[in-house]
Amino acid sequence: MELRNYETVFILTPLLNEVQVGETVEKFRQVLKENGAEIIHEENWGLRKLAYPIQKKSTGFYVLVEFKAPTTIVDPLEIAYRRDEKVIRFLTTVLDKHAVSYNERRRNGEMNQQKQARKEKEAQAS
């Protein structure tokens, strides 16, 4: 069975408290594990403003999960999202090798180091 790298972002309703957000994220983590996924990285981006209102809400809790799994994972995961009324939006994406290496560099803080080095060079030049 072929394993692929995926990234899923889901937005939870802003009406939840921290405990409810944690329980909901754990529920989706379990769906991934039950379907043979290996979670590589997880980020809770917290409460953020939405680009446009969804279900009359202007904010939501954003969560990103990066994982490696068989290609059969997407259907059960997205069915779980659709069945949960706390999820107001979701998007699951297959990552190519460039996206995987970008995510690794970002997690290791290399992106910020490059920006910092560029700023220092510009400061020395002026």
Foldseek 3Di string as FASTA:
>chain_A
DDKFKKKKKWWFAPVDDPVVVVVVVVVLVVLQVVQAKDWDDKDWPQKDADPDDFPNDGITTMIMTIIMHPPVSPVSSVVSLVVDPRTRDMDMDTDDPVRVVVVVCVVVVVVVVVVVVVVVVVVVVD
